[in-house]
C-alpha atoms as a PDB file:
ATOM      1  CA  MET A   1     -68.657 -95.807 -22.637  1.00  0.00           C
ATOM      2  CA  LYS A   2     -65.883 -95.158 -20.132  1.00  0.00           C
ATOM      3  CA  LYS A   3     -63.647 -94.008 -22.935  1.00  0.00           C
ATOM      4  CA  LEU A   4     -66.261 -91.553 -24.055  1.00  0.00           C
ATOM      5  CA  LEU A   5     -66.565 -90.126 -20.519  1.00  0.00           C
ATOM      6  CA  VAL A   6     -62.789 -89.783 -20.251  1.00  0.00           C
ATOM      7  CA  LEU A   7     -62.669 -87.988 -23.568  1.00  0.00           C
ATOM      8  CA  VAL A   8     -65.460 -85.569 -22.511  1.00  0.00           C
ATOM      9  CA  MET A   9     -63.741 -84.869 -19.205  1.00  0.00           C
ATOM     10  CA  ALA A  10     -60.487 -84.171 -21.011  1.00  0.00           C
ATOM     11  CA  LEU A  11     -62.196 -81.738 -23.345  1.00  0.00           C
ATOM     12  CA  ILE A  12     -63.813 -79.951 -20.390  1.00  0.00           C
ATOM     13  CA  LEU A  13     -60.445 -79.616 -18.621  1.00  0.00           C
ATOM     14  CA  VAL A  14     -58.779 -78.267 -21.774  1.00  0.00           C
ATOM     15  CA  ALA A  15     -61.573 -75.724 -22.206  1.00  0.00           C
ATOM     16  CA  ALA A  16     -61.286 -74.660 -18.592  1.00  0.00           C
ATOM     17  CA  GLY A  17     -57.521 -74.273 -18.926  1.00  0.00           C
ATOM     18  CA  CYS A  18     -57.869 -72.117 -22.025  1.00  0.00           C
ATOM     19  CA  SER A  19     -60.410 -69.911 -20.277  1.00  0.00           C
ATOM     20  CA  SER A  20     -58.140 -69.525 -17.238  1.00  0.00           C
ATOM     21  CA  SER A  21     -55.160 -68.710 -19.465  1.00  0.00           C
ATOM     22  CA  SER A  22     -57.198 -66.151 -21.358  1.00  0.00           C
ATOM     23  CA  LYS A  23     -58.270 -64.470 -18.138  1.00  0.00           C
ATOM     24  CA  ALA A  24     -54.698 -64.422 -16.874  1.00  0.00           C
ATOM     25  CA  ASN A  25     -53.525 -62.842 -20.083  1.00  0.00           C
ATOM     26  CA  ASP A  26     -56.297 -60.274 -19.884  1.00  0.00           C
ATOM     27  CA  THR A  27     -55.283 -59.484 -16.310  1.00  0.00           C
ATOM     28  CA  GLU A  28     -51.630 -59.140 -17.288  1.00  0.00           C
ATOM     29  CA  ASN A  29     -52.519 -56.934 -20.220  1.00  0.00           C
ATOM     30  CA  GLN A  30     -54.669 -54.726 -17.994  1.00  0.00           C
ATOM     31  CA  GLU A  31     -51.901 -54.471 -15.391  1.00  0.00           C
ATOM     32  CA  SER A  32     -49.411 -53.603 -18.137  1.00  0.00           C
ATOM     33  CA  GLN A  33     -51.715 -50.884 -19.473  1.00  0.00           C
ATOM     34  CA  ASP A  34     -52.220 -49.544 -15.967  1.00  0.00           C
ATOM     35  CA  ASN A  35     -48.457 -49.490 -15.409  1.00  0.00           C
ATOM     36  CA  GLN A  36     -47.902 -47.683 -18.698  1.00  0.00           C
ATOM     37  CA  THR A  37     -50.590 -45.159 -17.791  1.00  0.00           C
ATOM     38  CA  GLU A  38     -48.994 -44.593 -14.365  1.00  0.00           C
ATOM     39  CA  GLU A  39     -45.531 -44.288 -15.952  1.00  0.00           C
ATOM     40  CA  THR A  40     -46.806 -41.807 -18.523  1.00  0.00           C
ATOM     41  CA  SER A  41     -48.507 -39.813 -15.789  1.00  0.00           C
ATOM     42  CA  SER A  42     -45.342 -39.907 -13.674  1.00  0.00           C
ATOM     43  CA  ASN A  43     -43.182 -38.775 -16.594  1.00  0.00           C
ATOM     44  CA  ALA A  44     -45.587 -35.945 -17.357  1.00  0.00           C
ATOM     45  CA  SER A  45     -45.501 -34.904 -13.701  1.00  0.00           C
ATOM     46  CA  GLU A  46     -41.686 -34.978 -13.652  1.00  0.00           C
ATOM     47  CA  GLU A  47     -41.549 -32.913 -16.840  1.00  0.00           C
ATOM     48  CA  GLU A  48     -43.881 -30.357 -15.313  1.00  0.00           C
ATOM     49  CA  GLU A  49     -41.747 -30.211 -12.166  1.00  0.00           C
ATOM     50  CA  ASN A  50     -38.588 -29.820 -14.245  1.00  0.00           C
ATOM     51  CA  LYS A  51     -40.216 -27.010 -16.218  1.00  0.00           C
ATOM     52  CA  ASP A  52     -41.312 -25.327 -13.001  1.00  0.00           C
ATOM     53  CA  GLU A  53     -37.785 -25.566 -11.601  1.00  0.00           C
ATOM     54  CA  GLN A  54     -36.330 -24.287 -14.849  1.00  0.00           C
ATOM     55  CA  ASN A  55     -38.751 -21.359 -14.846  1.00  0.00           C
ATOM     56  CA  LYS A  56     -37.844 -20.584 -11.257  1.00  0.00           C
ATOM     57  CA  GLU A  57     -34.138 -20.660 -12.098  1.00  0.00           C
ATOM     58  CA  GLU A  58     -34.746 -18.359 -15.058  1.00  0.00           C
ATOM     59  CA  GLU A  59     -36.744 -16.015 -12.860  1.00  0.00           C
ATOM     60  CA  LYS A  60     -33.944 -15.996 -10.269  1.00  0.00           C
ATOM     61  CA  SER A  61     -31.416 -15.346 -13.025  1.00  0.00           C
ATOM     62  CA  GLU A  62     -33.477 -12.430 -14.307  1.00  0.00           C
ATOM     63  CA  GLU A  63     -33.893 -11.074 -10.792  1.00  0.00           C
ATOM     64  CA  LYS A  64     -30.130 -11.338 -10.242  1.00  0.00           C
ATOM     65  CA  LYS A  65     -29.459  -9.449 -13.470  1.00  0.00           C
ATOM     66  CA  THR A  66     -31.890  -6.752 -12.372  1.00  0.00           C
ATOM     67  CA  ASP A  67     -30.217  -6.558  -8.952  1.00  0.00           C
ATOM     68  CA  VAL A  68     -26.753  -6.273 -10.518  1.00  0.00           C
ATOM     69  CA  LEU A  69     -27.870  -3.455 -12.777  1.00  0.00           C
ATOM     70  CA  SER A  70     -29.587  -1.738  -9.872  1.00  0.00           C
ATOM     71  CA  VAL A  71     -26.499  -1.999  -7.675  1.00  0.00           C
ATOM     72  CA  LYS A  72     -24.302  -0.754 -10.504  1.00  0.00           C
ATOM     73  CA  GLU A  73     -26.534   2.255 -11.050  1.00  0.00           C
ATOM     74  CA  LEU A  74     -26.646   3.040  -7.340  1.00  0.00           C
ATOM     75  CA  LEU A  75     -22.876   2.834  -7.007  1.00  0.00           C
ATOM     76  CA  GLN A  76     -22.317   5.079 -10.016  1.00  0.00           C
ATOM     77  CA  GLN A  77     -24.405   7.778  -8.350  1.00  0.00           C
ATOM     78  CA  GLN A  78     -22.323   7.838  -5.155  1.00  0.00           C
ATOM     79  CA  GLU A  79     -19.355  10.246  -5.344  1.00  0.00           C
ATOM     80  CA  MET A  80     -16.316   9.764  -3.119  1.00  0.00           C
ATOM     81  CA  SER A  81     -13.739  12.487  -2.437  1.00  0.00           C
ATOM     82  CA  ALA A  82     -10.588  12.500  -0.285  1.00  0.00           C
ATOM     83  CA  SER A  83      -7.778  14.817   0.804  1.00  0.00           C
ATOM     84  CA  ALA A  84      -4.682  14.748   3.007  1.00  0.00           C
ATOM     85  CA  ASN A  85      -3.746  17.641   5.293  1.00  0.00           C
ATOM     86  CA  ALA A  86      -0.104  17.108   6.270  1.00  0.00           C
ATOM     87  CA  LYS A  87       1.422  18.976   9.198  1.00  0.00           C
ATOM     88  CA  THR A  88       4.633  18.542  11.127  1.00  0.00           C
ATOM     89  CA  GLU A  89       3.278  16.167  13.749  1.00  0.00           C
ATOM     90  CA  GLN A  90       0.675  14.241  11.733  1.00  0.00           C
ATOM     91  CA  VAL A  91      -1.383  13.975   8.548  1.00  0.00           C
ATOM     92  CA  THR A  92      -5.175  14.043   8.637  1.00  0.00           C
ATOM     93  CA  PHE A  93      -7.177  12.216   6.001  1.00  0.00           C
ATOM     94  CA  ASP A  94     -10.604  13.668   5.251  1.00  0.00           C
ATOM     95  CA  PHE A  95     -12.892  11.679   2.976  1.00  0.00           C
ATOM     96  CA  SER A  96     -16.590  11.610   2.223  1.00  0.00           C
ATOM     97  CA  LEU A  97     -19.298   9.970   0.125  1.00  0.00           C
ATOM     98  CA  LYS A  98     -22.074  11.986  -1.503  1.00  0.00           C
ATOM     99  CA  ASN A  99     -25.398  10.467  -2.516  1.00  0.00           C
ATOM    100  CA  THR A 100     -26.386  12.283  -5.718  1.00  0.00           C
ATOM    101  CA  THR A 101     -29.722  10.451  -6.058  1.00  0.00           C
ATOM    102  CA  ASP A 102     -33.124  11.696  -4.878  1.00  0.00           C
ATOM    103  CA  LYS A 103     -33.538   8.749  -2.499  1.00  0.00           C
ATOM    104  CA  ASP A 104     -31.758   7.728   0.685  1.00  0.00           C
ATOM    105  CA  VAL A 105     -29.301   4.853   0.477  1.00  0.00           C
ATOM    106  CA  GLU A 106     -28.012   2.608   3.230  1.00  0.00           C
ATOM    107  CA  LEU A 107     -24.501   1.209   3.267  1.00  0.00           C
ATOM    108  CA  GLY A 108     -24.061  -2.115   5.022  1.00  0.00           C
ATOM    109  CA  PHE A 109     -20.770  -3.237   6.584  1.00  0.00           C
ATOM    110  CA  SER A 110     -19.821  -6.767   7.587  1.00  0.00           C
ATOM    111  CA  SER A 111     -18.130  -5.481  10.759  1.00  0.00           C
ATOM    112  CA  GLY A 112     -17.334  -2.306  12.655  1.00  0.00           C
ATOM    113  CA  GLN A 113     -14.646  -1.411  10.096  1.00  0.00           C
ATOM    114  CA  GLN A 114     -16.019   1.070   7.562  1.00  0.00           C
ATOM    115  CA  TYR A 115     -12.819   2.033   5.726  1.00  0.00           C
ATOM    116  CA  GLU A 116      -9.183   1.110   5.132  1.00  0.00           C
ATOM    117  CA  ILE A 117      -6.183   3.396   4.647  1.00  0.00           C
ATOM    118  CA  VAL A 118      -2.860   2.129   3.301  1.00  0.00           C
ATOM    119  CA  VAL A 119       0.146   4.485   3.114  1.00  0.00           C
ATOM    120  CA  LYS A 120       3.210   3.738   0.987  1.00  0.00           C
ATOM    121  CA  ASN A 121       6.505   5.553   0.567  1.00  0.00           C
ATOM    122  CA  ALA A 122       8.253   6.487  -2.686  1.00  0.00           C
ATOM    123  CA  LYS A 123       9.674   2.949  -2.901  1.00  0.00           C
ATOM    124  CA  ASP A 124       6.135   1.505  -2.833  1.00  0.00           C
ATOM    125  CA  GLU A 125       6.761   0.070   0.640  1.00  0.00           C
ATOM    126  CA  GLU A 126       3.809  -0.058   3.005  1.00  0.00           C
ATOM    127  CA  VAL A 127       4.432   2.037   6.110  1.00  0.00           C
ATOM    128  CA  TYR A 128       0.950   2.326   7.577  1.00  0.00           C
ATOM    129  CA  ARG A 129      -2.326   0.359   7.503  1.00  0.00           C
ATOM    130  CA  TYR A 130      -5.245   1.762   9.461  1.00  0.00           C
ATOM    131  CA  SER A 131      -6.723  -1.623  10.445  1.00  0.00           C
ATOM    132  CA  GLN A 132      -3.453  -3.145  11.633  1.00  0.00           C
ATOM    133  CA  GLY A 133      -3.550  -3.897  15.351  1.00  0.00           C
ATOM    134  CA  LYS A 134      -7.178  -2.760  15.705  1.00  0.00           C
ATOM    135  CA  ALA A 135     -10.118  -4.866  16.894  1.00  0.00           C
ATOM    136  CA  PHE A 136     -13.466  -4.171  15.239  1.00  0.00           C
ATOM    137  CA  THR A 137     -16.853  -5.421  16.350  1.00  0.00           C
ATOM    138  CA  GLU A 138     -17.995  -8.431  14.336  1.00  0.00           C
ATOM    139  CA  ALA A 139     -21.601  -7.237  14.396  1.00  0.00           C
ATOM    140  CA  LEU A 140     -23.122  -5.952  11.172  1.00  0.00           C
ATOM    141  CA  THR A 141     -23.208  -2.146  11.007  1.00  0.00           C
ATOM    142  CA  SER A 142     -24.769   0.332   8.610  1.00  0.00           C
ATOM    143  CA  LYS A 143     -24.631   3.997   7.642  1.00  0.00           C
ATOM    144  CA  LYS A 144     -27.422   5.943   5.974  1.00  0.00           C
ATOM    145  CA  VAL A 145     -26.650   8.548   3.318  1.00  0.00           C
ATOM    146  CA  LYS A 146     -29.583  10.857   2.778  1.00  0.00           C
ATOM    147  CA  ALA A 147     -30.630  11.975  -0.686  1.00  0.00           C
ATOM    148  CA  GLY A 148     -28.382  14.760  -1.971  1.00  0.00           C
ATOM    149  CA  GLU A 149     -26.247  14.738   1.188  1.00  0.00           C
ATOM    150  CA  SER A 150     -22.835  13.416   2.247  1.00  0.00           C
ATOM    151  CA  VAL A 151     -21.340  11.407   5.074  1.00  0.00           C
ATOM    152  CA  ALA A 152     -17.762  12.121   6.123  1.00  0.00           C
ATOM    153  CA  TRP A 153     -14.918  10.365   7.880  1.00  0.00           C
ATOM    154  CA  LYS A 154     -11.659  11.671   9.361  1.00  0.00           C
ATOM    155  CA  GLN A 155      -8.559   9.744  10.364  1.00  0.00           C
ATOM    156  CA  ALA A 156      -5.133  10.973  11.528  1.00  0.00           C
ATOM    157  CA  TRP A 157      -1.746   9.267  11.294  1.00  0.00           C
ATOM    158  CA  ASN A 158       1.231  10.364  13.389  1.00  0.00           C
ATOM    159  CA  TYR A 159       3.895   9.263  10.853  1.00  0.00           C
ATOM    160  CA  LYS A 160       4.900   6.364  13.079  1.00  0.00           C
ATOM    161  CA  LYS A 161       5.794   2.874  11.915  1.00  0.00           C
ATOM    162  CA  GLU A 162       6.502   0.483  14.770  1.00  0.00           C
ATOM    163  CA  ASP A 163       6.818   3.486  17.114  1.00  0.00           C
ATOM    164  CA  LYS A 164       9.445   5.121  14.905  1.00  0.00           C
ATOM    165  CA  ARG A 165       8.797   8.174  12.738  1.00  0.00           C
ATOM    166  CA  VAL A 166       9.100   7.501   9.007  1.00  0.00           C
ATOM    167  CA  GLU A 167      11.675   9.313   6.869  1.00  0.00           C
ATOM    168  CA  PRO A 168      10.775  12.694   5.349  1.00  0.00           C
ATOM    169  CA  GLY A 169       9.599  12.489   1.761  1.00  0.00           C
ATOM    170  CA  LYS A 170       6.678  11.933  -0.580  1.00  0.00           C
ATOM    171  CA  TYR A 171       3.965   9.435   0.368  1.00  0.00           C
ATOM    172  CA  THR A 172       0.712   8.156  -1.117  1.00  0.00           C
ATOM    173  CA  ALA A 173      -2.393   7.021   0.757  1.00  0.00           C
ATOM    174  CA  GLU A 174      -4.995   4.686  -0.722  1.00  0.00           C
ATOM    175  CA  ILE A 175      -8.318   5.274   1.036  1.00  0.00           C
ATOM    176  CA  THR A 176     -11.054   2.676   0.557  1.00  0.00           C
ATOM    177  CA  LEU A 177     -14.592   2.521   1.900  1.00  0.00           C
ATOM    178  CA  VAL A 178     -15.494  -1.127   2.566  1.00  0.00           C
ATOM    179  CA  PRO A 179     -19.302  -1.574   2.524  1.00  0.00           C
ATOM    180  CA  ASN A 180     -20.455  -5.004   1.357  1.00  0.00           C
ATOM    181  CA  LYS A 181     -24.073  -4.000   0.719  1.00  0.00           C
ATOM    182  CA  ILE A 182     -26.021  -1.022  -0.592  1.00  0.00           C
ATOM    183  CA  ASN A 183     -29.737  -0.948   0.133  1.00  0.00           C
ATOM    184  CA  GLY A 184     -29.469  -4.585   1.165  1.00  0.00           C
ATOM    185  CA  LYS A 185     -27.912  -5.682  -2.132  1.00  0.00           C
ATOM    186  CA  THR A 186     -24.453  -7.211  -2.313  1.00  0.00           C
ATOM    187  CA  ILE A 187     -21.523  -5.158  -3.618  1.00  0.00           C
ATOM    188  CA  GLU A 188     -19.131  -7.372  -5.570  1.00  0.00           C
ATOM    189  CA  ALA A 189     -16.133  -5.050  -5.990  1.00  0.00           C
ATOM    190  CA  LYS A 190     -14.545  -2.045  -4.213  1.00  0.00           C
ATOM    191  CA  PRO A 191     -16.073   0.956  -5.984  1.00  0.00           C
ATOM    192  CA  PHE A 192     -15.191   3.579  -3.376  1.00  0.00           C
ATOM    193  CA  GLN A 193     -11.437   4.181  -3.502  1.00  0.00           C
ATOM    194  CA  GLN A 194      -9.279   7.309  -3.712  1.00  0.00           C
ATOM    195  CA  THR A 195      -5.502   7.901  -3.748  1.00  0.00           C
ATOM    196  CA  VAL A 196      -3.984  11.083  -2.304  1.00  0.00           C
ATOM    197  CA  GLU A 197      -0.388  12.304  -2.085  1.00  0.00           C
ATOM    198  CA  PHE A 198       1.285  14.195   0.734  1.00  0.00           C
ATOM    199  CA  GLU A 199       4.733  15.027   2.095  1.00  0.00           C
ATOM    200  CA  VAL A 200       6.184  14.096   5.451  1.00  0.00           C
ATOM    201  CA  VAL A 201       8.571  16.817   6.550  1.00  0.00           C
ATOM    202  CA  SER A 202      11.388  16.631   9.044  1.00  0.00           C
ATOM    203  CA  GLU A 203      10.331  17.485  12.566  1.00  0.00           C
ATOM    204  CA  ASP A 204      12.869  20.306  12.676  1.00  0.00           C
ATOM    205  CA  GLN A 205      12.432  21.447   9.071  1.00  0.00           C
ATOM    206  CA  ALA A 206      11.590  25.135   8.734  1.00  0.00           C
ATOM    207  CA  PHE A 207      11.782  25.640   4.938  1.00  0.00           C
ATOM    208  CA  ARG A 208      10.491  23.689   1.956  1.00  0.00           C
ATOM    209  CA  ASN A 209       9.684  23.944  -1.748  1.00  0.00           C
ATOM    210  CA  ILE A 210      12.334  26.590  -2.317  1.00  0.00           C
ATOM    211  CA  LYS A 211      12.646  27.840  -5.918  1.00  0.00           C
ATOM    212  CA  VAL A 212      15.046  30.385  -7.404  1.00  0.00           C
ATOM    213  CA  GLU A 213      14.509  32.215 -10.685  1.00  0.00           C
ATOM    214  CA  GLY A 214      16.766  34.768 -12.364  1.00  0.00           C
ATOM    215  CA  SER A 215      20.457  35.262 -13.134  1.00  0.00           C
ATOM    216  CA  ASN A 216      23.376  37.719 -13.130  1.00  0.00           C
ATOM    217  CA  GLY A 217      22.585  39.239  -9.748  1.00  0.00           C
ATOM    218  CA  ASP A 218      18.781  39.512 -10.020  1.00  0.00           C
ATOM    219  CA  TYR A 219      16.864  36.663  -8.360  1.00  0.00           C
ATOM    220  CA  THR A 220      13.375  35.907  -7.114  1.00  0.00           C
ATOM    221  CA  VAL A 221      13.057  33.375  -4.332  1.00  0.00           C
ATOM    222  CA  THR A 222       9.774  31.632  -3.440  1.00  0.00           C
ATOM    223  CA  GLY A 223       8.883  28.867  -1.017  1.00  0.00           C
ATOM    224  CA  GLU A 224       7.254  28.001   2.287  1.00  0.00           C
ATOM    225  CA  ALA A 225       8.437  28.498   5.849  1.00  0.00           C
ATOM    226  CA  ARG A 226       7.173  27.151   9.146  1.00  0.00           C
ATOM    227  CA  VAL A 227       8.727  29.576  11.587  1.00  0.00           C
ATOM    228  CA  PHE A 228       7.824  31.451  14.758  1.00  0.00           C
ATOM    229  CA  GLU A 229       5.747  34.560  14.051  1.00  0.00           C
ATOM    230  CA  ALA A 230       6.261  33.896  10.301  1.00  0.00           C
ATOM    231  CA  SER A 231       9.649  35.637  10.397  1.00  0.00           C
ATOM    232  CA  PHE A 232      13.072  34.458   9.209  1.00  0.00           C
ATOM    233  CA  LEU A 233      16.402  35.825   7.969  1.00  0.00           C
ATOM    234  CA  TYR A 234      18.817  35.311   5.092  1.00  0.00           C
ATOM    235  CA  ASN A 235      22.187  36.458   3.788  1.00  0.00           C
ATOM    236  CA  VAL A 236      24.192  35.764   0.622  1.00  0.00           C
ATOM    237  CA  GLU A 237      27.921  35.003   0.243  1.00  0.00           C
ATOM    238  CA  ASP A 238      30.216  33.740  -2.506  1.00  0.00           C
ATOM    239  CA  GLY A 239      32.514  31.616  -0.339  1.00  0.00           C
ATOM    240  CA  HIS A 240      34.772  34.541   0.494  1.00  0.00           C
ATOM    241  CA  ASN A 241      32.632  37.606   1.067  1.00  0.00           C
ATOM    242  CA  VAL A 242      29.146  38.376   2.334  1.00  0.00           C
ATOM    243  CA  LEU A 243      27.399  40.076  -0.584  1.00  0.00           C
ATOM    244  CA  VAL A 244      24.002  40.559   1.063  1.00  0.00           C
ATOM    245  CA  ASN A 245      23.892  41.241   4.773  1.00  0.00           C
ATOM    246  CA  GLU A 246      21.332  39.754   7.138  1.00  0.00           C
ATOM    247  CA  THR A 247      17.844  40.573   5.828  1.00  0.00           C
ATOM    248  CA  ALA A 248      14.457  39.796   7.358  1.00  0.00           C
ATOM    249  CA  VAL A 249      11.594  38.154   5.455  1.00  0.00           C
ATOM    250  CA  GLN A 250       7.970  37.751   6.503  1.00  0.00           C
ATOM    251  CA  ALA A 251       5.865  34.757   5.396  1.00  0.00           C
ATOM    252  CA  ASP A 252       2.080  35.003   5.156  1.00  0.00           C
ATOM    253  CA  GLN A 253       1.507  32.864   8.296  1.00  0.00           C
ATOM    254  CA  GLY A 254       3.513  31.464  11.155  1.00  0.00           C
ATOM    255  CA  ALA A 255       4.122  28.071  12.738  1.00  0.00           C
ATOM    256  CA  PRO A 256       2.685  25.514  13.145  1.00  0.00           C
ATOM    257  CA  ASN A 257       1.315  26.335   9.687  1.00  0.00           C
ATOM    258  CA  TRP A 258       3.369  26.602   6.531  1.00  0.00           C
ATOM    259  CA  GLY A 259       3.502  30.205   5.349  1.00  0.00           C
ATOM    260  CA  LYS A 260       4.255  31.157   1.761  1.00  0.00           C
ATOM    261  CA  PHE A 261       6.862  33.775   0.912  1.00  0.00           C
ATOM    262  CA  GLU A 262       8.418  35.537  -2.066  1.00  0.00           C
ATOM    263  CA  PHE A 263      11.278  38.030  -2.111  1.00  0.00           C
ATOM    264  CA  ASP A 264      13.854  39.479  -4.503  1.00  0.00           C
ATOM    265  CA  VAL A 265      17.626  39.362  -4.115  1.00  0.00           C
ATOM    266  CA  THR A 266      19.717  41.950  -5.973  1.00  0.00           C
ATOM    267  CA  ILE A 267      23.510  41.951  -6.134  1.00  0.00           C
ATOM    268  CA  ALA A 268      25.507  44.612  -7.972  1.00  0.00           C
ATOM    269  CA  LYS A 269      27.162  43.334 -11.138  1.00  0.00           C
ATOM    270  CA  ASP A 270      30.612  44.478 -10.018  1.00  0.00           C
ATOM    271  CA  LYS A 271      30.296  42.310  -6.894  1.00  0.00           C
ATOM    272  CA  LEU A 272      29.440  39.082  -8.705  1.00  0.00           C
ATOM    273  CA  PRO A 273      32.248  36.484  -8.584  1.00  0.00           C
ATOM    274  CA  SER A 274      34.047  35.616 -11.814  1.00  0.00           C
ATOM    275  CA  ASN A 275      34.472  32.079 -10.601  1.00  0.00           C
ATOM    276  CA  GLY A 276      32.387  30.742  -7.731  1.00  0.00           C
ATOM    277  CA  THR A 277      28.884  30.128  -6.401  1.00  0.00           C
ATOM    278  CA  LEU A 278      26.423  32.500  -4.839  1.00  0.00           C
ATOM    279  CA  THR A 279      24.884  30.803  -1.806  1.00  0.00           C
ATOM    280  CA  MET A 280      21.990  32.087   0.240  1.00  0.00           C
ATOM    281  CA  MET A 281      21.688  31.018   3.869  1.00  0.00           C
ATOM    282  CA  MET A 282      18.141  31.059   5.269  1.00  0.00           C
ATOM    283  CA  TYR A 283      17.742  30.716   9.036  1.00  0.00           C
ATOM    284  CA  THR A 284      15.983  31.739  12.231  1.00  0.00           C
ATOM    285  CA  LYS A 285      17.343  32.906  15.548  1.00  0.00           C
ATOM    286  CA  SER A 286      16.543  31.483  18.956  1.00  0.00           C
ATOM    287  CA  ALA A 287      14.190  33.621  21.015  1.00  0.00           C
ATOM    288  CA  LYS A 288      16.128  32.548  24.099  1.00  0.00           C
ATOM    289  CA  ASP A 289      19.718  33.356  23.251  1.00  0.00           C
ATOM    290  CA  GLY A 290      19.767  34.633  19.663  1.00  0.00           C
ATOM    291  CA  SER A 291      21.688  31.614  18.332  1.00  0.00           C
ATOM    292  CA  ILE A 292      21.198  30.636  14.689  1.00  0.00           C
ATOM    293  CA  GLU A 293      18.723  27.796  14.073  1.00  0.00           C
ATOM    294  CA  ASN A 294      16.969  25.994  11.201  1.00  0.00           C
ATOM    295  CA  VAL A 295      19.698  26.708   8.662  1.00  0.00           C
ATOM    296  CA  LYS A 296      19.012  25.978   5.000  1.00  0.00           C
ATOM    297  CA  TYR A 297      21.479  26.678   2.172  1.00  0.00           C
ATOM    298  CA  VAL A 298      20.167  27.556  -1.272  1.00  0.00           C
ATOM    299  CA  LYS A 299      22.293  27.969  -4.412  1.00  0.00           C
ATOM    300  CA  LEU A 300      21.443  31.105  -6.358  1.00  0.00           C
ATOM    301  CA  GLU A 301      23.911  30.746  -9.256  1.00  0.00           C
ATOM    302  CA  THR A 302      27.315  29.340 -10.207  1.00  0.00           C
ATOM    303  CA  PHE A 303      29.783  31.416 -12.232  1.00  0.00           C
ATOM    304  CA  LYS A 304      32.679  30.003 -14.255  1.00  0.00           C
END
């Protein structure tokens, strides 16, 4: 009888264990399913977020492309012009920007500096930079250009490099407007740039750009003079004799401006040298004592 009871109890325990194991397995399976569901939901959420981010990036990219095209179009419709007015004591740079659109535009600058000017000599050596030694406000500045109108700038240079006047000769100036924004949109390059040429003359120079045409005693002389009351003198000699006595010439305007002139020189054929050079001396006379000043020698012709 005892054995039978033991056997029954054993069977009951085994059955209870199997039931407990089955419930545990069911619980584990349910937890596993729940985890898979959560993981699937999480993955779907991440994919949606990634797609949203990707769409946003694409939208930004499209917006950037639109902005670039818009900036490019705006810049193409702004016309810059520049000139250099060189005089004895200084050169003045005049430059402007015209808005050819039917809407106002606003140029933004990262500082108080709105332009740069770099001057180089014939050897491509820099002799002047507008910004050098200057202090500009670091505050953002702007300049509005109304539809169909222009804004202008003017800057003078006194021909000095380190307090010393540069040598006479040909020079080039690169003039650049330096806005970094147009209508609030960033400008990537330097679209507003012009190069102008000018000549620095000697402080005491009175004649320039002299040209002689003709031969055998008949000559036409043209050029420019910067002389008092637009008047100067000339004579012609061959190294031995004066063939044309002192003669007065009048330019079309007087100093400090450069006046243009043109005159003819005629020498009789029997007075022309058989071997030698005809030389014309151009000059002025001092208003104080009548002494000869501002002498310039010009070759008319050489005979051999």
